[in-house]
Amino acid sequence: MKITASIFSAFIAGTITASAFVAPSHSAVAFQARNGVTAKASSALNGGMSDELDIPCEEECAMESYPKLPESVHPGVLSGQAMVDLLTHAKENGYAIPAVNCVSSSGINACLEAARKNDAPIIIQFSSGGSQFYAGKDLDNTNYSAAIAGAISGAFHVRTLAEQYGVPVLLHTDHCSKKLLPWIDGLVSASERYYEKNGEPLFSSHMIDLSEEPIEENIEICKGYLERMAKIGILLEMELGITGGEEDGVNNEDVPLEDLYSKPEEIYQVYEELSKVSPMFTVAAAFGNVHGVYSPGNVQLEPDILDRAQAYISEKLGDDAPEDKKPVMFVFHGGSGSDIADIRRALGYGVVKMNIDTDTQWSYWEGIKKFELKWHDYLQTQIGNPDGETKPNKKYYDPRESLRAAEINTVERLEQCFCDLKCQGILGLGEKKAAENVFGPAKGGLPV
């Protein structure tokens, strides 16, 4: 199957009228690769996006697996068993994968570059607002059509380039409140159609955030989505307790303090109910997490909540508890600006994913700011600069220059994230070779 413009349009056309999800009445089944074959065999049959589009795929791009990871984990977007194997490897080896919110192809490319530079996997995720921006702010978003189209467009961008960078990627969507469920419906529908043609879903995972709803309603709706998603190898991330602060238009700065901390009993309730459907879920439990960056002392994280929850659930499971006594895969929200000591403690308690948005928003802008500061006198007019009144400035205001500066600064910031999360040297590929035959002004960017 070749990914043509008509097929791409078909993915979008079938999603813009998606209605709110109603849990199916039939019983759930655990994920299986299409036609009963293993996840690796299914991937091999598909051949990946490079084969699909007849793009040259050599060396790291063509690898079937990595020296230091489970055999199922391969370059490109993961789903199903390969995704579960990667997350399990993270939990067992005490590292977490950075999950970065992206709103543009430039931001995505910076994430992929950073992943390869750090010899590590990465999670690329889209919010509803980020998805709409990716599609274009002038598009009408009635029925969340622009947000659906933008997320699908971003997904194809990630799928096309992840293999080329030679890194494994989890393709995820971030917070989805109750009113935004039609957005997720559209994306799951797109994955179902993609699965029918390719034997794997378009997305790796989706987050459903019903933390502001009663816990019983939160669990019941999430169970319905998990039943639908697990059948095609999509993982569910569910939120329990509220993440404070403000992000993407959602303001939780004034929520009651107790709502920022989940209870072990509640986490067990979620674990018990979702496990009846499928093991393909993670839990974003609240332990004081806050979106954004605040002055020291204003955020009181309590990662020990996760440790107590693991112990409580293990006790409930008895002989069925895993050997490491960490039955739950946790997600750390509001990672930007967090103290390294809190991050490292959380890693020991089963955190396999940490969200990063505010810090990478700043790093992207800071790269542009530094570029403008350095070349300010060359960026005021099209002609005329300190080198002469008739000297042209095109090579300075070419948008590739400032955007590349933003990418470089973001890659540097992400390196710190990979280090903080002990997520370096995971793939076993070693240092990346320098790129050759690079086009563009100043070969991809002026010195910044």
Foldseek 3Di string as FASTA:
>chain_A
DADDPVNLVVLLVVQLPFDFDDFDPDAFDFAAFPPRDHLLVLCVVLVFNCVNHVPDFDDLLPDQAFPQFPSNFWFAEDFAPNVVRQLVVLLVVLFAAEEEEAQELLQLVLQLVLQLQQVFEHEYEYELLSQLVQQPVVDDCVSHSSSLSSLSVVLVSRRNCRSVSNHYYAYEYDEDESVRSSSVSSQLSSQVVVCVVRRAGSGHEYEYEHQVPPLVVQLVVQLSVCSSNSHRGHAYEYEHFDAAADDPHDHRPPPDPVSQADALVSVLVSVVSNVSRYLRYAYAGGQQHYADADDPPPTDGDLVRLVVSLQVNCVVCDPNQDPLSQSHAYEAENPPNDDLVSLSVNSNSRHHYYYDYNVLVVQLVVLLVVLCVVCVQLPPDQACGPVGRGHGSCLSVVVQASSLSSSVSSSVVVNVVCVSRVGGCNRVPPHDDDDPPQDDRVSRYDDD
